Amino acid sequence: MKNKLARGLYDPHSGNPPFWVYGYYTYVAGDANFPERHIIHTDVGLMDVDPKTVGECVAKDKNGRDVYEGDALGEDDADGVYVVYYNKKYMRWSARHTYGFTVDL
């Protein structure tokens, strides 16, 4: 199976602000001796990231930029935004609008 590109928010714990890291995601289950870990494999090494911020790259926008799970997509002439999520019912990526309707990606 091909690895999927992902991103996550890395907190350096050094007084510097958190920043996004991009690479390939791995989850390591924890046990009594070791905590669980959420890791992004980057070009510079392994980075532990906040699991709530991990998102898979699901598409490209019209400008060729990557779109990730959890991204908020907006339009200049629309009220509200779309948020990218995985639609389990139909097993595909979709975007949910602020008003509740969805569109497929």
PDB file of N, CA and C in Angstrom:
ATOM      1  N   MET A   1       0.838  -1.181   0.000  1.00  0.00           N
ATOM      2  CA  MET A   1       0.000   0.000   0.000  1.00  0.00           C
ATOM      3  C   MET A   1       0.880   1.240   0.000  1.00  0.00           C
ATOM      4  N   LYS A   2       0.521   2.210  -0.762  1.00  0.00           N
ATOM      5  CA  LYS A   2       1.281   3.447  -0.869  1.00  0.00           C
ATOM      6  C   LYS A   2       1.030   4.340   0.343  1.00  0.00           C
ATOM      7  N   ASN A   3       2.105   4.925   0.899  1.00  0.00           N
ATOM      8  CA  ASN A   3       1.947   5.861   2.009  1.00  0.00           C
ATOM      9  C   ASN A   3       1.293   7.135   1.522  1.00  0.00           C
ATOM     10  N   LYS A   4       0.442   7.693   2.363  1.00  0.00           N
ATOM     11  CA  LYS A   4      -0.244   8.939   2.030  1.00  0.00           C
ATOM     12  C   LYS A   4       0.454  10.111   2.710  1.00  0.00           C
ATOM     13  N   LEU A   5       0.563  11.204   1.990  1.00  0.00           N
ATOM     14  CA  LEU A   5       1.126  12.420   2.549  1.00  0.00           C
ATOM     15  C   LEU A   5       0.180  12.951   3.624  1.00  0.00           C
ATOM     16  N   ALA A   6       0.761  13.418   4.732  1.00  0.00           N
ATOM     17  CA  ALA A   6      -0.034  13.932   5.847  1.00  0.00           C
ATOM     18  C   ALA A   6       0.659  15.150   6.438  1.00  0.00           C
ATOM     19  N   ARG A   7      -0.055  15.816   7.326  1.00  0.00           N
ATOM     20  CA  ARG A   7       0.533  16.940   8.059  1.00  0.00           C
ATOM     21  C   ARG A   7       0.047  16.877   9.490  1.00  0.00           C
ATOM     22  N   GLY A   8       0.787  17.544  10.370  1.00  0.00           N
ATOM     23  CA  GLY A   8       0.412  17.629  11.771  1.00  0.00           C
ATOM     24  C   GLY A   8       1.094  18.827  12.397  1.00  0.00           C
ATOM     25  N   LEU A   9       0.553  19.276  13.511  1.00  0.00           N
ATOM     26  CA  LEU A   9       1.100  20.438  14.210  1.00  0.00           C
ATOM     27  C   LEU A   9       2.115  19.968  15.242  1.00  0.00           C
ATOM     28  N   TYR A  10       3.362  20.421  15.074  1.00  0.00           N
ATOM     29  CA  TYR A  10       4.465  20.065  15.960  1.00  0.00           C
ATOM     30  C   TYR A  10       4.701  21.201  16.943  1.00  0.00           C
ATOM     31  N   ASP A  11       4.773  20.846  18.233  1.00  0.00           N
ATOM     32  CA  ASP A  11       5.044  21.845  19.275  1.00  0.00           C
ATOM     33  C   ASP A  11       6.459  21.618  19.789  1.00  0.00           C
ATOM     34  N   PRO A  12       7.389  22.544  19.515  1.00  0.00           N
ATOM     35  CA  PRO A  12       8.786  22.332  19.904  1.00  0.00           C
ATOM     36  C   PRO A  12       9.048  22.402  21.407  1.00  0.00           C
ATOM     37  N   HIS A  13       8.101  22.857  22.226  1.00  0.00           N
ATOM     38  CA  HIS A  13       8.262  22.960  23.688  1.00  0.00           C
ATOM     39  C   HIS A  13       9.504  23.752  24.081  1.00  0.00           C
ATOM     40  N   SER A  14       9.873  24.714  23.265  1.00  0.00           N
ATOM     41  CA  SER A  14      11.060  25.507  23.572  1.00  0.00           C
ATOM     42  C   SER A  14      10.716  26.992  23.660  1.00  0.00           C
ATOM     43  N   GLY A  15       9.442  27.292  23.789  1.00  0.00           N
ATOM     44  CA  GLY A  15       9.027  28.684  23.807  1.00  0.00           C
ATOM     45  C   GLY A  15       8.690  29.209  22.424  1.00  0.00           C
ATOM     46  N   ASN A  16       9.067  28.465  21.378  1.00  0.00           N
ATOM     47  CA  ASN A  16       8.722  28.849  20.012  1.00  0.00           C
ATOM     48  C   ASN A  16       7.300  28.390  19.707  1.00  0.00           C
ATOM     49  N   PRO A  17       6.619  29.076  18.793  1.00  0.00           N
ATOM     50  CA  PRO A  17       5.246  28.666  18.472  1.00  0.00           C
ATOM     51  C   PRO A  17       5.217  27.350  17.702  1.00  0.00           C
ATOM     52  N   PRO A  18       4.110  26.594  17.816  1.00  0.00           N
ATOM     53  CA  PRO A  18       3.972  25.353  17.043  1.00  0.00           C
ATOM     54  C   PRO A  18       3.984  25.649  15.548  1.00  0.00           C
ATOM     55  N   PHE A  19       4.353  24.649  14.754  1.00  0.00           N
ATOM     56  CA  PHE A  19       4.348  24.827  13.301  1.00  0.00           C
ATOM     57  C   PHE A  19       3.954  23.518  12.633  1.00  0.00           C
ATOM     58  N   TRP A  20       3.482  23.625  11.383  1.00  0.00           N
ATOM     59  CA  TRP A  20       3.049  22.470  10.616  1.00  0.00           C
ATOM     60  C   TRP A  20       4.256  21.719  10.074  1.00  0.00           C
ATOM     61  N   VAL A  21       4.198  20.392  10.140  1.00  0.00           N
ATOM     62  CA  VAL A  21       5.192  19.534   9.513  1.00  0.00           C
ATOM     63  C   VAL A  21       4.464  18.623   8.523  1.00  0.00           C
ATOM     64  N   TYR A  22       5.139  18.304   7.429  1.00  0.00           N
ATOM     65  CA  TYR A  22       4.548  17.519   6.344  1.00  0.00           C
ATOM     66  C   TYR A  22       5.406  16.305   6.075  1.00  0.00           C
ATOM     67  N   GLY A  23       4.769  15.169   5.869  1.00  0.00           N
ATOM     68  CA  GLY A  23       5.489  13.937   5.583  1.00  0.00           C
ATOM     69  C   GLY A  23       4.535  12.768   5.626  1.00  0.00           C
ATOM     70  N   TYR A  24       5.000  11.644   6.165  1.00  0.00           N
ATOM     71  CA  TYR A  24       4.201  10.417   6.211  1.00  0.00           C
ATOM     72  C   TYR A  24       3.904  10.065   7.658  1.00  0.00           C
ATOM     73  N   TYR A  25       2.642   9.770   7.943  1.00  0.00           N
ATOM     74  CA  TYR A  25       2.148   9.591   9.304  1.00  0.00           C
ATOM     75  C   TYR A  25       2.276   8.149   9.782  1.00  0.00           C
ATOM     76  N   THR A  26       2.640   7.990  11.061  1.00  0.00           N
ATOM     77  CA  THR A  26       2.678   6.694  11.716  1.00  0.00           C
ATOM     78  C   THR A  26       2.098   6.837  13.116  1.00  0.00           C
ATOM     79  N   TYR A  27       1.239   5.883  13.485  1.00  0.00           N
ATOM     80  CA  TYR A  27       0.711   5.820  14.846  1.00  0.00           C
ATOM     81  C   TYR A  27       1.403   4.664  15.557  1.00  0.00           C
ATOM     82  N   VAL A  28       1.918   4.916  16.758  1.00  0.00           N
ATOM     83  CA  VAL A  28       2.566   3.884  17.555  1.00  0.00           C
ATOM     84  C   VAL A  28       1.740   3.714  18.826  1.00  0.00           C
ATOM     85  N   ALA A  29       1.139   2.536  18.985  1.00  0.00           N
ATOM     86  CA  ALA A  29       0.299   2.269  20.158  1.00  0.00           C
ATOM     87  C   ALA A  29       1.155   2.255  21.415  1.00  0.00           C
ATOM     88  N   GLY A  30       0.588   2.741  22.488  1.00  0.00           N
ATOM     89  CA  GLY A  30       1.303   2.772  23.750  1.00  0.00           C
ATOM     90  C   GLY A  30       0.990   1.553  24.609  1.00  0.00           C
ATOM     91  N   ASP A  31       1.732   1.426  25.699  1.00  0.00           N
ATOM     92  CA  ASP A  31       1.459   0.386  26.687  1.00  0.00           C
ATOM     93  C   ASP A  31       1.800   0.957  28.059  1.00  0.00           C
ATOM     94  N   ALA A  32       1.943   0.093  29.040  1.00  0.00           N
ATOM     95  CA  ALA A  32       2.206   0.560  30.403  1.00  0.00           C
ATOM     96  C   ALA A  32       3.543   1.279  30.534  1.00  0.00           C
ATOM     97  N   ASN A  33       4.513   0.942  29.681  1.00  0.00           N
ATOM     98  CA  ASN A  33       5.844   1.525  29.800  1.00  0.00           C
ATOM     99  C   ASN A  33       6.094   2.699  28.861  1.00  0.00           C
ATOM    100  N   PHE A  34       5.366   2.743  27.751  1.00  0.00           N
ATOM    101  CA  PHE A  34       5.602   3.789  26.754  1.00  0.00           C
ATOM    102  C   PHE A  34       4.268   4.420  26.344  1.00  0.00           C
ATOM    103  N   PRO A  35       4.231   5.750  26.235  1.00  0.00           N
ATOM    104  CA  PRO A  35       2.994   6.399  25.788  1.00  0.00           C
ATOM    105  C   PRO A  35       2.779   6.200  24.287  1.00  0.00           C
ATOM    106  N   GLU A  36       1.527   6.338  23.840  1.00  0.00           N
ATOM    107  CA  GLU A  36       1.274   6.278  22.400  1.00  0.00           C
ATOM    108  C   GLU A  36       1.905   7.489  21.732  1.00  0.00           C
ATOM    109  N   ARG A  37       2.244   7.317  20.448  1.00  0.00           N
ATOM    110  CA  ARG A  37       2.900   8.407  19.711  1.00  0.00           C
ATOM    111  C   ARG A  37       2.235   8.575  18.356  1.00  0.00           C
ATOM    112  N   HIS A  38       2.175   9.816  17.927  1.00  0.00           N
ATOM    113  CA  HIS A  38       1.693  10.181  16.592  1.00  0.00           C
ATOM    114  C   HIS A  38       2.861  10.881  15.921  1.00  0.00           C
ATOM    115  N   ILE A  39       3.409  10.251  14.880  1.00  0.00           N
ATOM    116  CA  ILE A  39       4.672  10.687  14.299  1.00  0.00           C
ATOM    117  C   ILE A  39       4.492  11.028  12.826  1.00  0.00           C
ATOM    118  N   ILE A  40       5.102  12.131  12.406  1.00  0.00           N
ATOM    119  CA  ILE A  40       5.209  12.467  10.989  1.00  0.00           C
ATOM    120  C   ILE A  40       6.678  12.271  10.607  1.00  0.00           C
ATOM    121  N   HIS A  41       6.908  11.439   9.585  1.00  0.00           N
ATOM    122  CA  HIS A  41       8.257  11.205   9.058  1.00  0.00           C
ATOM    123  C   HIS A  41       8.555  12.324   8.060  1.00  0.00           C
ATOM    124  N   THR A  42       9.489  13.193   8.386  1.00  0.00           N
ATOM    125  CA  THR A  42       9.853  14.315   7.527  1.00  0.00           C
ATOM    126  C   THR A  42      11.243  14.096   6.945  1.00  0.00           C
ATOM    127  N   ASP A  43      11.668  15.029   6.105  1.00  0.00           N
ATOM    128  CA  ASP A  43      13.017  14.960   5.527  1.00  0.00           C
ATOM    129  C   ASP A  43      14.106  15.123   6.585  1.00  0.00           C
ATOM    130  N   VAL A  44      13.779  15.795   7.698  1.00  0.00           N
ATOM    131  CA  VAL A  44      14.789  16.057   8.725  1.00  0.00           C
ATOM    132  C   VAL A  44      14.692  15.107   9.910  1.00  0.00           C
ATOM    133  N   GLY A  45      13.725  14.204   9.915  1.00  0.00           N
ATOM    134  CA  GLY A  45      13.615  13.243  11.005  1.00  0.00           C
ATOM    135  C   GLY A  45      12.172  12.988  11.405  1.00  0.00           C
ATOM    136  N   LEU A  46      12.011  12.369  12.570  1.00  0.00           N
ATOM    137  CA  LEU A  46      10.687  12.033  13.088  1.00  0.00           C
ATOM    138  C   LEU A  46      10.205  13.146  14.007  1.00  0.00           C
ATOM    139  N   MET A  47       8.958  13.564  13.814  1.00  0.00           N
ATOM    140  CA  MET A  47       8.404  14.655  14.621  1.00  0.00           C
ATOM    141  C   MET A  47       7.120  14.172  15.283  1.00  0.00           C
ATOM    142  N   ASP A  48       7.045  14.254  16.621  1.00  0.00           N
ATOM    143  CA  ASP A  48       5.811  13.930  17.339  1.00  0.00           C
ATOM    144  C   ASP A  48       4.843  15.092  17.173  1.00  0.00           C
ATOM    145  N   VAL A  49       3.612  14.791  16.754  1.00  0.00           N
ATOM    146  CA  VAL A  49       2.626  15.834  16.484  1.00  0.00           C
ATOM    147  C   VAL A  49       1.378  15.625  17.331  1.00  0.00           C
ATOM    148  N   ASP A  50       0.589  16.675  17.442  1.00  0.00           N
ATOM    149  CA  ASP A  50      -0.691  16.634  18.146  1.00  0.00           C
ATOM    150  C   ASP A  50      -1.665  15.790  17.328  1.00  0.00           C
ATOM    151  N   PRO A  51      -2.216  14.707  17.887  1.00  0.00           N
ATOM    152  CA  PRO A  51      -3.089  13.825  17.102  1.00  0.00           C
ATOM    153  C   PRO A  51      -4.357  14.501  16.597  1.00  0.00           C
ATOM    154  N   LYS A  52      -4.825  15.541  17.278  1.00  0.00           N
ATOM    155  CA  LYS A  52      -6.037  16.248  16.837  1.00  0.00           C
ATOM    156  C   LYS A  52      -5.800  17.056  15.572  1.00  0.00           C
ATOM    157  N   THR A  53      -4.543  17.283  15.214  1.00  0.00           N
ATOM    158  CA  THR A  53      -4.238  18.117  14.050  1.00  0.00           C
ATOM    159  C   THR A  53      -3.790  17.319  12.834  1.00  0.00           C
ATOM    160  N   VAL A  54      -3.661  16.002  12.962  1.00  0.00           N
ATOM    161  CA  VAL A  54      -3.191  15.177  11.846  1.00  0.00           C
ATOM    162  C   VAL A  54      -4.261  15.120  10.763  1.00  0.00           C
ATOM    163  N   GLY A  55      -3.847  15.380   9.533  1.00  0.00           N
ATOM    164  CA  GLY A  55      -4.768  15.317   8.401  1.00  0.00           C
ATOM    165  C   GLY A  55      -4.085  14.745   7.178  1.00  0.00           C
ATOM    166  N   GLU A  56      -4.817  13.908   6.450  1.00  0.00           N
ATOM    167  CA  GLU A  56      -4.295  13.283   5.234  1.00  0.00           C
ATOM    168  C   GLU A  56      -4.488  14.210   4.048  1.00  0.00           C
ATOM    169  N   CYS A  57      -3.532  14.199   3.134  1.00  0.00           N
ATOM    170  CA  CYS A  57      -3.669  14.954   1.887  1.00  0.00           C
ATOM    171  C   CYS A  57      -4.688  14.225   1.021  1.00  0.00           C
ATOM    172  N   VAL A  58      -5.770  14.918   0.625  1.00  0.00           N
ATOM    173  CA  VAL A  58      -6.871  14.242  -0.069  1.00  0.00           C
ATOM    174  C   VAL A  58      -7.055  14.699  -1.511  1.00  0.00           C
ATOM    175  N   ALA A  59      -6.551  15.860  -1.862  1.00  0.00           N
ATOM    176  CA  ALA A  59      -6.770  16.377  -3.214  1.00  0.00           C
ATOM    177  C   ALA A  59      -5.840  17.556  -3.464  1.00  0.00           C
ATOM    178  N   LYS A  60      -5.943  18.111  -4.657  1.00  0.00           N
ATOM    179  CA  LYS A  60      -5.266  19.361  -5.021  1.00  0.00           C
ATOM    180  C   LYS A  60      -6.348  20.381  -5.375  1.00  0.00           C
ATOM    181  N   ASP A  61      -6.110  21.644  -5.021  1.00  0.00           N
ATOM    182  CA  ASP A  61      -7.081  22.670  -5.398  1.00  0.00           C
ATOM    183  C   ASP A  61      -6.811  23.141  -6.823  1.00  0.00           C
ATOM    184  N   LYS A  62      -7.600  24.107  -7.278  1.00  0.00           N
ATOM    185  CA  LYS A  62      -7.471  24.562  -8.668  1.00  0.00           C
ATOM    186  C   LYS A  62      -6.127  25.227  -8.949  1.00  0.00           C
ATOM    187  N   ASN A  63      -5.401  25.641  -7.892  1.00  0.00           N
ATOM    188  CA  ASN A  63      -4.089  26.259  -8.058  1.00  0.00           C
ATOM    189  C   ASN A  63      -2.943  25.268  -7.877  1.00  0.00           C
ATOM    190  N   GLY A  64      -3.281  23.973  -7.687  1.00  0.00           N
ATOM    191  CA  GLY A  64      -2.263  22.948  -7.549  1.00  0.00           C
ATOM    192  C   GLY A  64      -1.738  22.749  -6.138  1.00  0.00           C
ATOM    193  N   ARG A  65      -2.341  23.418  -5.151  1.00  0.00           N
ATOM    194  CA  ARG A  65      -1.915  23.251  -3.759  1.00  0.00           C
ATOM    195  C   ARG A  65      -2.618  22.048  -3.135  1.00  0.00           C
ATOM    196  N   ASP A  66      -1.941  21.405  -2.190  1.00  0.00           N
ATOM    197  CA  ASP A  66      -2.510  20.252  -1.500  1.00  0.00           C
ATOM    198  C   ASP A  66      -3.667  20.679  -0.601  1.00  0.00           C
ATOM    199  N   VAL A  67      -4.709  19.837  -0.544  1.00  0.00           N
ATOM    200  CA  VAL A  67      -5.845  20.026   0.354  1.00  0.00           C
ATOM    201  C   VAL A  67      -5.810  18.881   1.352  1.00  0.00           C
ATOM    202  N   TYR A  68      -5.871  19.206   2.648  1.00  0.00           N
ATOM    203  CA  TYR A  68      -5.763  18.215   3.705  1.00  0.00           C
ATOM    204  C   TYR A  68      -7.082  18.065   4.447  1.00  0.00           C
ATOM    205  N   GLU A  69      -7.268  16.884   5.039  1.00  0.00           N
ATOM    206  CA  GLU A  69      -8.415  16.624   5.894  1.00  0.00           C
ATOM    207  C   GLU A  69      -8.450  17.678   6.996  1.00  0.00           C
ATOM    208  N   GLY A  70      -9.601  18.274   7.229  1.00  0.00           N
ATOM    209  CA  GLY A  70      -9.743  19.303   8.252  1.00  0.00           C
ATOM    210  C   GLY A  70      -9.554  20.715   7.731  1.00  0.00           C
ATOM    211  N   ASP A  71      -9.108  20.883   6.486  1.00  0.00           N
ATOM    212  CA  ASP A  71      -8.940  22.217   5.912  1.00  0.00           C
ATOM    213  C   ASP A  71     -10.293  22.906   5.768  1.00  0.00           C
ATOM    214  N   ALA A  72     -10.291  24.207   5.952  1.00  0.00           N
ATOM    215  CA  ALA A  72     -11.477  25.027   5.709  1.00  0.00           C
ATOM    216  C   ALA A  72     -11.304  25.684   4.345  1.00  0.00           C
ATOM    217  N   LEU A  73     -12.249  25.421   3.466  1.00  0.00           N
ATOM    218  CA  LEU A  73     -12.210  25.965   2.113  1.00  0.00           C
ATOM    219  C   LEU A  73     -13.284  27.030   1.996  1.00  0.00           C
ATOM    220  N   GLY A  74     -12.933  28.196   1.491  1.00  0.00           N
ATOM    221  CA  GLY A  74     -13.904  29.275   1.356  1.00  0.00           C
ATOM    222  C   GLY A  74     -13.956  29.818  -0.042  1.00  0.00           C
ATOM    223  N   GLU A  75     -15.026  30.505  -0.327  1.00  0.00           N
ATOM    224  CA  GLU A  75     -15.184  31.187  -1.600  1.00  0.00           C
ATOM    225  C   GLU A  75     -15.448  32.655  -1.315  1.00  0.00           C
ATOM    226  N   ASP A  76     -15.004  33.516  -2.226  1.00  0.00           N
ATOM    227  CA  ASP A  76     -15.158  34.949  -2.019  1.00  0.00           C
ATOM    228  C   ASP A  76     -16.619  35.392  -1.990  1.00  0.00           C
ATOM    229  N   ASP A  77     -17.483  34.724  -2.767  1.00  0.00           N
ATOM    230  CA  ASP A  77     -18.861  35.181  -2.887  1.00  0.00           C
ATOM    231  C   ASP A  77     -19.850  34.364  -2.054  1.00  0.00           C
ATOM    232  N   ALA A  78     -19.365  33.480  -1.165  1.00  0.00           N
ATOM    233  CA  ALA A  78     -20.263  32.613  -0.405  1.00  0.00           C
ATOM    234  C   ALA A  78     -20.231  32.952   1.083  1.00  0.00           C
ATOM    235  N   ASP A  79     -21.357  32.718   1.726  1.00  0.00           N
ATOM    236  CA  ASP A  79     -21.405  32.829   3.184  1.00  0.00           C
ATOM    237  C   ASP A  79     -20.917  31.506   3.762  1.00  0.00           C
ATOM    238  N   GLY A  80     -20.045  31.554   4.743  1.00  0.00           N
ATOM    239  CA  GLY A  80     -19.546  30.344   5.367  1.00  0.00           C
ATOM    240  C   GLY A  80     -18.421  29.704   4.581  1.00  0.00           C
ATOM    241  N   VAL A  81     -18.008  28.540   5.063  1.00  0.00           N
ATOM    242  CA  VAL A  81     -16.903  27.805   4.449  1.00  0.00           C
ATOM    243  C   VAL A  81     -17.237  26.319   4.390  1.00  0.00           C
ATOM    244  N   TYR A  82     -16.432  25.577   3.649  1.00  0.00           N
ATOM    245  CA  TYR A  82     -16.515  24.126   3.594  1.00  0.00           C
ATOM    246  C   TYR A  82     -15.355  23.551   4.401  1.00  0.00           C
ATOM    247  N   VAL A  83     -15.596  22.468   5.135  1.00  0.00           N
ATOM    248  CA  VAL A  83     -14.544  21.780   5.878  1.00  0.00           C
ATOM    249  C   VAL A  83     -14.413  20.368   5.315  1.00  0.00           C
ATOM    250  N   VAL A  84     -13.191  19.984   4.966  1.00  0.00           N
ATOM    251  CA  VAL A  84     -12.917  18.683   4.356  1.00  0.00           C
ATOM    252  C   VAL A  84     -12.963  17.590   5.426  1.00  0.00           C
ATOM    253  N   TYR A  85     -13.671  16.479   5.125  1.00  0.00           N
ATOM    254  CA  TYR A  85     -13.755  15.348   6.045  1.00  0.00           C
ATOM    255  C   TYR A  85     -13.970  14.062   5.260  1.00  0.00           C
ATOM    256  N   TYR A  86     -13.777  12.917   5.937  1.00  0.00           N
ATOM    257  CA  TYR A  86     -14.020  11.624   5.293  1.00  0.00           C
ATOM    258  C   TYR A  86     -15.452  11.209   5.577  1.00  0.00           C
ATOM    259  N   ASN A  87     -16.244  11.025   4.520  1.00  0.00           N
ATOM    260  CA  ASN A  87     -17.642  10.640   4.621  1.00  0.00           C
ATOM    261  C   ASN A  87     -17.713   9.114   4.722  1.00  0.00           C
ATOM    262  N   LYS A  88     -17.873   8.594   5.945  1.00  0.00           N
ATOM    263  CA  LYS A  88     -17.869   7.148   6.167  1.00  0.00           C
ATOM    264  C   LYS A  88     -19.052   6.464   5.502  1.00  0.00           C
ATOM    265  N   LYS A  89     -20.188   7.139   5.441  1.00  0.00           N
ATOM    266  CA  LYS A  89     -21.387   6.538   4.843  1.00  0.00           C
ATOM    267  C   LYS A  89     -21.151   6.160   3.379  1.00  0.00           C
ATOM    268  N   TYR A  90     -20.510   7.066   2.620  1.00  0.00           N
ATOM    269  CA  TYR A  90     -20.263   6.828   1.199  1.00  0.00           C
ATOM    270  C   TYR A  90     -18.816   6.449   0.900  1.00  0.00           C
ATOM    271  N   MET A  91     -17.968   6.368   1.958  1.00  0.00           N
ATOM    272  CA  MET A  91     -16.560   5.986   1.850  1.00  0.00           C
ATOM    273  C   MET A  91     -15.813   6.834   0.826  1.00  0.00           C
ATOM    274  N   ARG A  92     -15.882   8.143   0.974  1.00  0.00           N
ATOM    275  CA  ARG A  92     -15.160   9.066   0.085  1.00  0.00           C
ATOM    276  C   ARG A  92     -14.955  10.397   0.812  1.00  0.00           C
ATOM    277  N   TRP A  93     -14.074  11.207   0.241  1.00  0.00           N
ATOM    278  CA  TRP A  93     -13.782  12.515   0.806  1.00  0.00           C
ATOM    279  C   TRP A  93     -14.854  13.500   0.368  1.00  0.00           C
ATOM    280  N   SER A  94     -15.318  14.317   1.315  1.00  0.00           N
ATOM    281  CA  SER A  94     -16.352  15.302   1.049  1.00  0.00           C
ATOM    282  C   SER A  94     -15.989  16.589   1.771  1.00  0.00           C
ATOM    283  N   ALA A  95     -16.772  17.616   1.514  1.00  0.00           N
ATOM    284  CA  ALA A  95     -16.623  18.888   2.229  1.00  0.00           C
ATOM    285  C   ALA A  95     -18.000  19.296   2.723  1.00  0.00           C
ATOM    286  N   ARG A  96     -18.100  19.620   4.014  1.00  0.00           N
ATOM    287  CA  ARG A  96     -19.360  20.020   4.623  1.00  0.00           C
ATOM    288  C   ARG A  96     -19.383  21.541   4.755  1.00  0.00           C
ATOM    289  N   HIS A  97     -20.450  22.138   4.268  1.00  0.00           N
ATOM    290  CA  HIS A  97     -20.611  23.589   4.343  1.00  0.00           C
ATOM    291  C   HIS A  97     -21.093  23.984   5.729  1.00  0.00           C
ATOM    292  N   THR A  98     -20.894  25.233   6.072  1.00  0.00           N
ATOM    293  CA  THR A  98     -21.346  25.775   7.339  1.00  0.00           C
ATOM    294  C   THR A  98     -22.846  25.527   7.549  1.00  0.00           C
ATOM    295  N   TYR A  99     -23.625  25.571   6.484  1.00  0.00           N
ATOM    296  CA  TYR A  99     -25.082  25.399   6.575  1.00  0.00           C
ATOM    297  C   TYR A  99     -25.505  23.933   6.567  1.00  0.00           C
ATOM    298  N   GLY A 100     -24.568  22.985   6.508  1.00  0.00           N
ATOM    299  CA  GLY A 100     -24.882  21.583   6.674  1.00  0.00           C
ATOM    300  C   GLY A 100     -24.871  20.735   5.410  1.00  0.00           C
ATOM    301  N   PHE A 101     -24.953  21.316   4.224  1.00  0.00           N
ATOM    302  CA  PHE A 101     -24.939  20.483   3.013  1.00  0.00           C
ATOM    303  C   PHE A 101     -23.518  20.077   2.671  1.00  0.00           C
ATOM    304  N   THR A 102     -23.371  18.983   1.907  1.00  0.00           N
ATOM    305  CA  THR A 102     -22.047  18.470   1.570  1.00  0.00           C
ATOM    306  C   THR A 102     -21.847  18.379   0.077  1.00  0.00           C
ATOM    307  N   VAL A 103     -20.594  18.391  -0.337  1.00  0.00           N
ATOM    308  CA  VAL A 103     -20.214  18.174  -1.735  1.00  0.00           C
ATOM    309  C   VAL A 103     -19.068  17.175  -1.735  1.00  0.00           C
ATOM    310  N   ASP A 104     -18.959  16.382  -2.794  1.00  0.00           N
ATOM    311  CA  ASP A 104     -17.872  15.411  -2.919  1.00  0.00           C
ATOM    312  C   ASP A 104     -16.637  16.085  -3.502  1.00  0.00           C
ATOM    313  N   LEU A 105     -15.496  15.580  -3.098  1.00  0.00           N
ATOM    314  CA  LEU A 105     -14.231  16.094  -3.647  1.00  0.00           C
ATOM    315  C   LEU A 105     -13.793  15.227  -4.813  1.00  0.00           C
TER     316      LEU A 105
END
